[in-house]
Protein backbone atom coordinates (compact mmCIF):
# COMPACT_ATOMS: atom_id res chain seq x y z
CA MET A 1 0.00 0.00 0.00
CA SER A 2 1.35 3.46 -0.91
CA ARG A 3 1.99 6.10 1.77
CA ALA A 4 -0.92 8.17 0.45
CA SER A 5 -3.28 5.18 0.64
CA THR A 6 -2.09 4.35 4.14
CA LEU A 7 -2.71 7.94 5.30
CA LEU A 8 -6.22 7.94 3.86
CA ALA A 9 -6.98 4.64 5.58
CA VAL A 10 -5.75 5.93 8.94
CA LEU A 11 -7.80 9.13 8.63
CA ALA A 12 -10.88 7.10 7.78
CA VAL A 13 -10.46 4.98 10.90
CA LEU A 14 -9.95 8.07 13.07
CA ALA A 15 -13.05 9.72 11.63
CA CYS A 16 -15.23 6.70 12.29
CA SER A 17 -13.90 5.66 15.70
CA GLY A 18 -15.87 6.74 18.75
CA THR A 19 -18.97 7.91 16.87
CA ALA A 20 -22.36 7.68 18.57
CA ALA A 21 -23.82 4.21 18.94
CA GLY A 22 -26.04 3.31 16.01
CA ASP A 23 -23.99 5.22 13.46
CA GLY A 24 -22.69 2.00 11.97
CA GLY A 25 -19.20 3.51 11.99
CA THR A 26 -20.13 6.24 9.52
CA PRO A 27 -20.22 9.83 10.84
CA ARG A 28 -23.36 11.72 9.90
CA ALA A 29 -25.36 14.77 10.95
CA ARG A 30 -27.59 14.13 13.94
CA THR A 31 -31.36 14.13 13.60
CA ALA A 32 -33.54 16.77 15.23
CA ALA A 33 -34.61 14.22 17.88
CA GLU A 34 -31.00 13.46 18.74
CA ASP A 35 -30.18 17.18 18.94
CA ALA A 36 -33.04 17.61 21.39
CA GLY A 37 -31.47 15.08 23.69
CA GLY A 38 -32.50 11.54 22.83
CA GLY A 39 -34.99 9.24 21.27
CA ALA A 40 -38.73 9.35 20.94
CA GLY A 41 -40.59 10.54 24.00
CA ALA A 42 -37.53 12.13 25.59
CA GLY A 43 -38.02 15.62 27.00
CA ALA A 44 -35.76 18.49 26.10
CA ALA A 45 -32.44 18.08 27.89
CA PRO A 46 -30.48 21.03 29.31
CA VAL A 47 -27.53 19.87 27.20
CA THR A 48 -27.89 19.17 23.47
CA TYR A 49 -25.57 17.06 21.36
CA ARG A 50 -24.81 17.33 17.65
CA LEU A 51 -22.40 15.55 15.34
CA VAL A 52 -21.47 18.24 12.82
CA GLN A 53 -19.77 17.55 9.50
CA ALA A 54 -17.12 20.25 9.06
CA GLY A 55 -14.41 20.82 6.46
CA MET A 56 -16.68 20.18 3.45
CA GLY A 57 -18.19 17.21 5.25
CA PHE A 58 -14.94 15.32 5.86
CA VAL A 59 -14.35 16.21 9.53
CA PRO A 60 -16.87 14.94 12.12
CA VAL A 61 -17.02 17.28 15.13
CA HIS A 62 -18.89 16.43 18.33
CA VAL A 63 -20.60 19.47 19.88
CA LEU A 64 -22.29 19.87 23.27
CA SER A 65 -24.32 23.06 23.78
CA PHE A 66 -25.98 24.42 26.91
CA SER A 67 -26.88 27.49 28.91
CA PRO A 68 -24.70 27.98 32.02
CA ALA A 69 -27.88 29.19 33.74
CA ALA A 70 -29.33 25.67 33.36
CA VAL A 71 -26.19 23.55 33.61
CA GLU A 72 -23.48 23.51 36.26
CA MET A 73 -19.89 22.69 35.31
CA ARG A 74 -17.75 20.86 37.87
CA LEU A 75 -14.23 19.51 37.89
CA LEU A 76 -13.65 15.78 38.11
CA PHE A 77 -10.52 14.01 39.34
CA PRO A 78 -9.25 10.41 39.26
CA PRO A 79 -10.31 7.94 41.95
CA LYS A 80 -8.42 8.10 45.22
CA GLY A 81 -4.95 6.60 44.91
CA GLN A 82 -4.71 7.30 41.17
CA SER A 83 -3.08 10.34 39.60
CA LEU A 84 -4.61 9.69 36.15
CA SER A 85 -7.71 7.97 34.81
CA ALA A 86 -10.13 8.07 31.91
CA VAL A 87 -12.72 10.80 32.48
CA LYS A 88 -15.60 8.31 32.42
CA ASP A 89 -14.02 6.48 35.37
CA MET A 90 -13.71 9.61 37.54
CA PRO A 91 -16.07 9.85 40.55
CA GLY A 92 -19.10 11.94 39.63
CA CYS A 93 -18.98 11.34 35.88
CA SER A 94 -21.63 8.61 35.91
CA GLU A 95 -24.11 11.09 37.47
CA ALA A 96 -23.35 13.81 34.91
CA LEU A 97 -25.22 14.55 31.68
CA ALA A 98 -21.84 14.52 29.94
CA CYS A 99 -18.13 14.51 30.81
CA PHE A 100 -15.08 15.52 28.82
CA ASN A 101 -11.38 16.13 29.36
CA GLY A 102 -10.17 19.33 31.00
CA PRO A 103 -6.91 21.31 31.03
CA PHE A 104 -3.37 20.16 30.32
CA PHE A 105 -1.29 18.40 32.97
CA THR A 106 2.40 18.08 33.80
CA THR A 107 4.72 15.13 33.31
CA ASP A 108 4.23 14.31 36.99
CA ASP A 109 0.45 14.12 36.44
CA ARG A 110 -0.61 17.46 37.96
CA PRO A 111 -3.25 19.69 36.29
CA ILE A 112 -1.80 22.98 35.05
CA GLY A 113 -3.18 26.39 35.98
CA LEU A 114 -6.19 27.82 37.76
CA LEU A 115 -8.88 25.39 38.92
CA ILE A 116 -12.14 26.46 40.62
CA SER A 117 -15.13 24.19 41.16
CA GLY A 118 -18.24 24.70 43.27
CA GLY A 119 -16.96 28.18 44.13
CA ARG A 120 -13.80 26.75 45.75
CA ARG A 121 -10.34 27.48 44.42
CA ILE A 122 -8.45 24.21 44.07
CA GLN A 123 -5.36 25.53 42.31
CA LYS A 124 -3.90 29.00 41.78
CA LEU A 125 -3.67 31.02 38.57
CA LYS A 126 -0.49 30.18 36.68
CA SER A 127 1.77 32.86 35.20
CA THR A 128 1.39 31.98 31.53
CA SER A 129 -0.09 33.43 28.37
CA TRP A 130 -2.98 30.97 28.58
CA GLY A 131 -6.50 32.26 29.08
CA VAL A 132 -9.22 31.37 31.59
CA PHE A 133 -12.69 29.98 30.95
CA TYR A 134 -14.93 30.73 33.91
CA VAL A 135 -18.55 30.85 35.06
CA ASP A 136 -19.47 33.57 37.56
CA ARG A 137 -21.91 33.22 40.45
CA ASP A 138 -24.64 34.74 38.28
CA HIS A 139 -24.21 31.72 36.00
CA ARG A 140 -22.71 33.63 33.09
CA ALA A 141 -19.78 32.18 31.14
CA HIS A 142 -16.67 34.12 30.11
CA VAL A 143 -13.28 33.62 28.50
CA ALA A 144 -10.58 36.08 29.54
CA ALA A 145 -6.88 36.59 29.01
CA ARG A 146 -4.90 35.73 32.16
CA SER A 147 -3.92 39.37 32.74
CA HIS A 148 -7.55 40.52 32.46
CA TYR A 149 -8.77 37.81 34.81
CA GLN A 150 -6.06 38.56 37.35
CA ARG A 151 -6.65 42.32 37.24
CA LEU A 152 -10.44 42.55 37.07
CA VAL A 153 -11.92 39.25 38.13
CA GLY A 154 -9.87 37.23 40.61
CA SER A 155 -11.43 34.21 42.30
CA ASP A 156 -14.18 36.10 44.16
CA GLY A 157 -17.58 35.60 42.59
CA VAL A 158 -16.40 32.72 40.38
CA GLU A 159 -18.22 29.39 40.49
CA PHE A 160 -16.08 27.43 38.02
CA ALA A 161 -12.81 28.10 36.19
CA VAL A 162 -10.09 26.34 34.22
CA GLN A 163 -6.93 27.84 32.77
CA SER A 164 -5.80 26.52 29.42
CA GLY A 165 -4.74 27.60 25.97
CA PRO A 166 -4.10 28.87 23.55
CA GLY A 167 -7.03 31.23 23.17
CA LEU A 168 -8.69 30.68 19.78
CA LEU A 169 -11.22 33.52 19.53
CA GLY A 170 -11.98 36.79 21.30
CA GLY A 171 -9.94 38.59 23.93
CA SER A 172 -7.86 35.56 24.87
CA LYS A 173 -6.84 34.74 21.28
CA THR A 174 -3.18 34.00 20.68
CA ALA A 175 -1.68 36.02 17.81
CA SER A 176 -0.45 32.99 15.89
CA LEU A 177 -2.18 29.60 16.00
CA SER A 178 -0.36 26.34 15.35
CA LYS A 179 -1.02 24.60 12.06
CA GLY A 180 -0.05 21.23 13.56
CA LEU A 181 -2.68 18.48 13.41
CA ALA A 182 -4.08 16.76 16.52
CA LEU A 183 -7.32 15.63 18.08
CA ARG A 184 -8.85 18.65 19.84
CA THR A 185 -11.12 19.62 22.71
CA ALA A 186 -12.20 23.24 23.17
CA VAL A 187 -14.85 25.32 24.92
CA GLY A 188 -16.45 28.49 23.60
CA ILE A 189 -19.25 31.01 24.09
CA ASP A 190 -21.63 32.44 21.48
CA ARG A 191 -23.26 35.90 21.36
CA ASP A 192 -26.22 34.67 23.40
CA GLY A 193 -24.01 33.41 26.22
CA GLN A 194 -24.51 29.74 25.36
CA VAL A 195 -21.54 27.46 26.03
CA HIS A 196 -20.35 25.01 23.36
CA VAL A 197 -17.90 22.16 23.93
CA VAL A 198 -16.16 20.90 20.79
CA VAL A 199 -14.41 17.52 20.51
CA THR A 200 -12.86 16.22 17.29
CA ARG A 201 -12.01 12.62 16.49
CA MET A 202 -9.97 13.54 13.44
CA PRO A 203 -6.70 15.51 13.69
CA VAL A 204 -7.24 19.20 12.88
CA SER A 205 -5.21 22.38 13.31
CA LEU A 206 -6.00 25.07 15.87
CA SER A 207 -6.73 27.50 13.05
CA PHE A 208 -9.29 25.04 11.63
CA LEU A 209 -10.86 24.72 15.08
CA ALA A 210 -11.08 28.50 15.49
CA ARG A 211 -12.63 28.90 12.04
CA PHE A 212 -15.18 26.16 12.79
CA GLY A 213 -16.09 27.86 16.06
CA ALA A 214 -16.55 31.25 14.43
CA GLU A 215 -18.29 30.19 11.22
CA ASP A 216 -20.30 27.11 12.21
CA LEU A 217 -21.10 27.79 15.87
CA HIS A 218 -20.94 31.62 15.76
CA LEU A 219 -18.68 31.73 18.80
CA VAL A 220 -17.20 35.02 19.97
CA GLU A 221 -14.87 33.47 22.57
CA MET A 222 -13.08 30.10 22.40
CA LEU A 223 -10.36 28.43 24.45
CA ASN A 224 -8.39 25.31 23.60
CA LEU A 225 -8.29 22.53 26.22
CA ASP A 226 -5.98 19.51 26.36
CA GLY A 227 -6.06 17.51 23.14
CA GLY A 228 -4.30 14.72 21.30
CA SER A 229 -4.70 11.41 23.09
CA SER A 230 -6.40 13.26 26.00
CA SER A 231 -9.47 14.31 23.96
CA GLN A 232 -12.50 12.36 25.18
CA LEU A 233 -16.23 12.67 25.66
CA VAL A 234 -18.95 10.54 27.24
CA THR A 235 -22.69 11.31 27.48
CA HIS A 236 -25.43 9.90 29.71
CA ASP A 237 -29.19 10.08 30.35
CA GLY A 238 -31.32 11.54 27.54
CA LEU A 239 -28.46 12.47 25.23
CA ALA A 240 -27.53 10.38 22.21
CA ARG A 241 -25.07 7.80 23.53
CA VAL A 242 -21.49 8.84 22.89
CA ASP A 243 -18.33 7.30 24.30
CA LEU A 244 -15.10 8.63 22.84
CA PRO A 245 -12.33 6.79 24.71
CA ALA A 246 -8.85 8.20 25.17
CA ALA A 247 -5.80 8.14 27.39
CA ALA A 248 -5.92 8.67 31.15
CA VAL A 249 -5.85 12.35 32.24
CA ALA A 250 -5.45 14.34 35.46
CA ALA A 251 -8.76 16.24 35.39
CA GLY A 252 -12.11 16.17 33.64
CA ILE A 253 -15.22 18.34 33.50
CA GLY A 254 -18.77 17.17 34.22
CA LEU A 255 -22.05 18.84 33.27
CA TYR A 256 -24.99 18.67 35.71
CA PRO A 257 -28.53 20.12 35.54
CA ARG A 258 -29.11 22.97 37.99
CA ALA A 259 -32.82 22.11 38.29
CA THR A 260 -34.12 19.35 40.56
CA GLY A 261 -33.27 15.88 39.39
CA ALA A 262 -29.76 14.51 39.02
CA SER A 263 -27.70 16.68 41.28
CA ALA A 264 -24.04 17.57 41.01
CA PRO A 265 -21.70 16.16 43.62
CA GLY A 266 -20.15 18.42 46.21
CA ALA A 267 -16.98 20.35 45.53
CA PRO A 268 -14.37 17.80 44.45
CA ALA A 269 -11.34 17.04 46.53
CA SER A 270 -8.11 18.63 45.37
CA PRO A 271 -6.04 16.44 43.06
CA GLU A 272 -3.54 14.54 45.15
CA GLY A 273 -0.47 16.55 46.00
CA THR A 274 -2.04 19.95 45.38
CA SER A 275 -3.48 22.59 47.66
CA PRO A 276 -5.57 25.74 47.12
């Protein structure tokens, strides 16, 4: 087999792997029922899921969308005694509407940068060019450059925050985005304040991801999270069943309805070896 044929075969496998159950291995646009949160008879879920065909239909992109007024974001960490685990195996994920990977982590398995969950600061802001995605106590989502967050926001009045990068759109955007290809996870905000989580199962560049966010999702702010082998997503309850496996990571993010029903767990314990 030629190198070109081998590359095409690998890309085809990557595109098809981890798609929603029932897809038969072929990525496709979701139906209106699936976008509304499940099969026949299912009520509207606070989180919606779509499988969007980007890049002229050749790049399947998994998208979760929700209002931060209806959905609470919380950090997840590996089970006690473990420094890394798959997000779906982290305590609290099975009770969430959906879980996905969070920020980058060090070679000694420590999450990098600011971490706030349930209004409690777990880890301090890191001196880096990376931006901060955060939800304030009025349940509004924001993405800010580190300097802006440090100067005008701070940890007071913040319910949830993660520091990551680079910034892809808006005030946190990095001047030059890498053209390197990798699996990606990112979080963004549109003009209406809705939050969108984007997970790819085909290697794409950061510039492609930013363009998809701006043109397809109409995002005004977007921040890159950990990617590559760390990119993962799992959904539960009324959402179309998705399980995108990946490598073990140091932190994940779970989505929980604010209304009565499945409740979010309490503020998570600090990852082992860290302190607020």
